[in-house]
Amino acid sequence: MSVPVKPFRSQFTSFDYFIIGLMYVFFPLALIIAAFRILPTQQHHSCQGRNLRLIGWVLFGTYIVILMINLVTSETSEQFLNDNLAMALCLLIPALFLLVAADFLDKKFRKLLGIYREAVLQRRLIYIEHIAIVANQSPAHVIRDLNYMLKERMLPPGKIENGVLVIRSLHREPAKQVKTQTDRESKSVACSGCGARTVISQHEEKECEYCGLTMRYTS
């Protein structure tokens, strides 16, 4: 079955942007909210890259805010440089590391989505345990990932019931294809000589078994 490939994109929600904006107003609270934001979804492959990216930008914002505070409160340039270096080591470097790790996790999940598509659409696997073996993932992860794909229309409409992926269109399609192909490539043709009917395939010629006249497929 041909399904348009919808690329995976890790995107922030409005709430994520609110957390990042809050960082520049009241950064301690934003750090706490960001932590509570990522904890419930960290087990979801589709959210792991976004979560790391969110924390990375929050740490980057924290560095900017503390930099501005030090710029105002530092009595000497030497003190400002020392404080800024310490904050860079504690905040800026981890933030950059998290942003790079987020891109790596997104690429890894895109590859995993391709494995799921091949297992479901080409190999026609329906049991979660079998798909888990192919993808080298736990059944719980497979269920979360497949539900995400169904929600984002990366797979035909379906659902998971009792450890089985139910996509009815995958089971109906082969019969439809065979029927359509048969109807298109063969038809019953009447002999112009004696009127006897014979089934002839497309681009085929046959001799009438009654009068010997050559019969051809006509559209």
Protein backbone atom coordinates (compact mmCIF):
# COMPACT_ATOMS: atom_id res chain seq x y z
CA MET A 1 0.00 0.00 0.00
CA SER A 2 1.36 3.41 -0.97
CA VAL A 3 1.21 5.96 1.83
CA PRO A 4 2.73 9.44 1.43
CA VAL A 5 5.78 9.73 3.65
CA LYS A 6 5.22 12.48 6.18
CA PRO A 7 8.60 13.62 7.50
CA PHE A 8 9.09 13.78 11.25
CA ARG A 9 9.75 17.24 12.63
CA SER A 10 10.39 17.91 16.28
CA GLN A 11 8.48 21.10 17.03
CA PHE A 12 7.87 23.24 20.08
CA THR A 13 4.33 23.82 21.27
CA SER A 14 2.99 27.19 22.41
CA PHE A 15 3.62 26.11 26.00
CA ASP A 16 7.28 25.39 25.17
CA TYR A 17 7.69 28.89 23.74
CA PHE A 18 6.01 30.26 26.88
CA ILE A 19 8.59 28.51 29.05
CA ILE A 20 11.45 29.93 26.97
CA GLY A 21 9.93 33.41 27.15
CA LEU A 22 9.42 33.09 30.89
CA MET A 23 13.12 32.39 31.22
CA TYR A 24 13.94 36.03 30.43
CA VAL A 25 11.43 37.28 33.03
CA PHE A 26 11.79 34.86 35.92
CA PHE A 27 14.33 32.19 35.09
CA PRO A 28 14.22 30.09 38.31
CA LEU A 29 10.52 29.39 37.78
CA ALA A 30 11.06 28.62 34.10
CA LEU A 31 13.68 25.99 34.99
CA ILE A 32 11.23 24.26 37.34
CA ILE A 33 8.37 24.35 34.81
CA ALA A 34 10.65 23.00 32.06
CA ALA A 35 11.66 20.09 34.30
CA PHE A 36 8.03 19.18 34.99
CA ARG A 37 7.30 19.61 31.27
CA ILE A 38 9.75 16.97 30.08
CA LEU A 39 9.41 14.34 32.82
CA PRO A 40 6.07 12.80 31.68
CA THR A 41 7.17 12.50 28.02
CA GLN A 42 10.84 11.54 28.25
CA GLN A 43 9.97 7.88 27.54
CA HIS A 44 8.41 8.87 24.21
CA HIS A 45 10.88 8.69 21.33
CA SER A 46 8.96 11.41 19.51
CA CYS A 47 9.49 13.84 22.43
CA GLN A 48 13.05 13.12 23.49
CA GLY A 49 14.71 15.44 20.99
CA ARG A 50 12.24 18.21 21.73
CA ASN A 51 12.77 17.82 25.48
CA LEU A 52 16.55 18.12 25.22
CA ARG A 53 16.18 21.08 22.88
CA LEU A 54 13.84 22.80 25.33
CA ILE A 55 16.25 22.36 28.24
CA GLY A 56 19.11 23.52 26.03
CA TRP A 57 17.36 26.77 25.14
CA VAL A 58 16.31 27.30 28.76
CA LEU A 59 19.94 26.95 29.89
CA PHE A 60 21.02 29.32 27.12
CA GLY A 61 18.43 31.85 28.26
CA THR A 62 19.60 31.46 31.85
CA TYR A 63 23.15 32.23 30.73
CA ILE A 64 22.00 35.40 28.95
CA VAL A 65 20.03 36.60 31.99
CA ILE A 66 22.91 35.95 34.41
CA LEU A 67 25.32 37.60 31.98
CA MET A 68 23.20 40.78 32.02
CA ILE A 69 22.97 40.67 35.82
CA ASN A 70 26.74 40.30 36.11
CA LEU A 71 27.23 43.13 33.67
CA VAL A 72 25.32 45.44 36.02
CA THR A 73 26.54 44.16 39.39
CA SER A 74 30.22 43.37 38.72
CA GLU A 75 32.50 45.98 40.20
CA THR A 76 35.49 45.26 37.97
CA SER A 77 35.99 43.89 34.50
CA GLU A 78 38.11 41.09 35.93
CA GLN A 79 35.27 39.99 38.19
CA PHE A 80 32.84 40.12 35.25
CA LEU A 81 35.10 37.95 33.10
CA ASN A 82 35.62 35.41 35.87
CA ASP A 83 31.89 35.18 36.61
CA ASN A 84 31.07 34.98 32.91
CA LEU A 85 33.58 32.17 32.39
CA ALA A 86 32.11 30.22 35.29
CA MET A 87 28.57 30.62 33.93
CA ALA A 88 29.72 29.59 30.45
CA LEU A 89 31.17 26.37 31.82
CA CYS A 90 28.08 25.65 33.94
CA LEU A 91 25.35 26.69 31.49
CA LEU A 92 26.47 27.50 27.96
CA ILE A 93 28.50 24.37 27.24
CA PRO A 94 25.78 21.99 28.57
CA ALA A 95 23.21 23.94 26.53
CA LEU A 96 25.20 23.43 23.32
CA PHE A 97 25.68 19.75 24.15
CA LEU A 98 21.92 19.28 24.67
CA LEU A 99 21.09 20.98 21.35
CA VAL A 100 23.49 18.69 19.49
CA ALA A 101 22.12 15.63 21.32
CA ALA A 102 18.56 16.69 20.40
CA ASP A 103 19.42 16.65 16.69
CA PHE A 104 20.99 13.20 17.09
CA LEU A 105 17.86 11.82 18.79
CA ASP A 106 15.61 13.27 16.09
CA LYS A 107 17.68 11.61 13.36
CA LYS A 108 17.62 8.33 15.28
CA PHE A 109 13.83 8.50 15.58
CA ARG A 110 13.45 9.25 11.85
CA LYS A 111 15.42 6.08 11.11
CA LEU A 112 13.24 4.12 13.53
CA LEU A 113 10.09 5.42 11.82
CA GLY A 114 11.43 4.05 8.53
CA ILE A 115 11.88 0.63 10.15
CA TYR A 116 8.30 0.72 11.42
CA ARG A 117 6.97 1.69 7.98
CA GLU A 118 8.80 -1.16 6.30
CA ALA A 119 7.64 -3.67 8.93
CA VAL A 120 3.99 -2.59 8.71
CA LEU A 121 3.50 -1.59 5.07
CA GLN A 122 5.89 -3.93 3.26
CA ARG A 123 6.32 -6.94 5.52
CA ARG A 124 2.72 -6.61 6.77
CA LEU A 125 3.60 -7.40 10.39
CA ILE A 126 0.67 -6.85 12.72
CA TYR A 127 1.76 -8.28 16.07
CA ILE A 128 3.46 -5.78 18.37
CA GLU A 129 5.94 -8.41 19.58
CA HIS A 130 7.06 -9.16 16.03
CA ILE A 131 7.45 -5.47 15.18
CA ALA A 132 9.41 -4.99 18.42
CA ILE A 133 11.88 -7.70 17.38
CA VAL A 134 12.40 -6.13 13.96
CA ALA A 135 12.84 -2.63 15.42
CA ASN A 136 14.90 -3.86 18.40
CA GLN A 137 12.59 -1.99 20.78
CA SER A 138 10.48 -2.94 23.75
CA PRO A 139 6.76 -3.61 23.09
CA ALA A 140 5.87 -0.57 25.22
CA HIS A 141 8.04 1.69 23.06
CA VAL A 142 6.60 0.17 19.88
CA ILE A 143 3.03 0.86 21.05
CA ARG A 144 3.87 4.49 21.84
CA ASP A 145 5.68 4.97 18.53
CA LEU A 146 2.95 3.36 16.42
CA ASN A 147 0.26 5.37 18.18
CA TYR A 148 2.26 8.49 17.35
CA MET A 149 2.51 7.42 13.70
CA LEU A 150 -1.23 6.74 13.54
CA LYS A 151 -1.99 10.11 15.13
CA GLU A 152 0.31 11.97 12.72
CA ARG A 153 -1.04 10.00 9.71
CA MET A 154 2.30 8.40 8.96
CA LEU A 155 0.39 5.11 8.63
CA PRO A 156 -3.07 4.31 7.22
CA PRO A 157 -5.92 4.76 9.73
CA GLY A 158 -5.93 2.02 12.34
CA LYS A 159 -5.58 1.19 16.01
CA ILE A 160 -3.82 -1.17 18.40
CA GLU A 161 -5.96 -3.80 20.09
CA ASN A 162 -4.68 -6.57 22.39
CA GLY A 163 -1.14 -6.37 21.08
CA VAL A 164 -2.21 -6.32 17.43
CA LEU A 165 -1.96 -3.43 14.97
CA VAL A 166 -5.29 -3.34 13.14
CA ILE A 167 -5.17 -1.51 9.80
CA ARG A 168 -8.09 -2.84 7.80
CA SER A 169 -7.07 -1.23 4.51
CA LEU A 170 -3.89 -3.34 4.48
CA HIS A 171 -5.96 -6.52 4.50
CA ARG A 172 -8.56 -5.40 1.99
CA GLU A 173 -6.24 -3.94 -0.59
CA PRO A 174 -4.70 -7.12 -2.12
CA ALA A 175 -8.11 -8.53 -3.09
CA LYS A 176 -9.10 -5.23 -4.65
CA GLN A 177 -5.86 -5.06 -6.62
CA VAL A 178 -6.26 -8.59 -7.99
CA LYS A 179 -9.85 -7.96 -8.98
CA THR A 180 -9.06 -4.65 -10.65
CA GLN A 181 -6.09 -6.09 -12.51
CA THR A 182 -8.10 -9.10 -13.73
CA ASP A 183 -10.98 -6.94 -14.91
CA ARG A 184 -8.63 -4.63 -16.76
CA GLU A 185 -6.45 -7.26 -18.47
CA SER A 186 -9.04 -9.84 -19.62
CA LYS A 187 -12.59 -9.83 -20.94
CA SER A 188 -15.14 -12.03 -22.65
CA VAL A 189 -15.13 -11.53 -26.45
CA ALA A 190 -17.76 -12.77 -28.91
CA CYS A 191 -16.56 -14.38 -32.15
CA SER A 192 -17.57 -12.34 -35.18
CA GLY A 193 -18.06 -15.53 -37.19
CA CYS A 194 -20.16 -17.84 -35.03
CA GLY A 195 -20.90 -15.74 -31.98
CA ALA A 196 -19.22 -18.04 -29.46
CA ARG A 197 -17.71 -16.20 -26.48
CA THR A 198 -14.14 -16.68 -25.20
CA VAL A 199 -12.16 -14.96 -22.42
CA ILE A 200 -9.14 -13.19 -23.94
CA SER A 201 -6.37 -11.36 -22.11
CA GLN A 202 -5.12 -7.95 -23.18
CA HIS A 203 -2.72 -8.03 -26.20
CA GLU A 204 -3.67 -11.70 -26.83
CA GLU A 205 -5.06 -13.40 -29.93
CA LYS A 206 -7.03 -16.65 -29.93
CA GLU A 207 -8.61 -18.88 -32.52
CA CYS A 208 -12.28 -19.61 -32.02
CA GLU A 209 -12.56 -23.25 -31.01
CA TYR A 210 -15.73 -23.61 -33.06
CA CYS A 211 -15.05 -21.86 -36.37
CA GLY A 212 -11.30 -21.16 -36.26
CA LEU A 213 -11.64 -17.40 -36.77
CA THR A 214 -8.95 -15.27 -35.07
CA MET A 215 -10.28 -13.27 -32.10
CA ARG A 216 -8.55 -10.24 -30.59
CA TYR A 217 -8.93 -8.28 -27.34
CA THR A 218 -10.75 -5.01 -28.05
CA SER A 219 -11.21 -2.15 -25.58
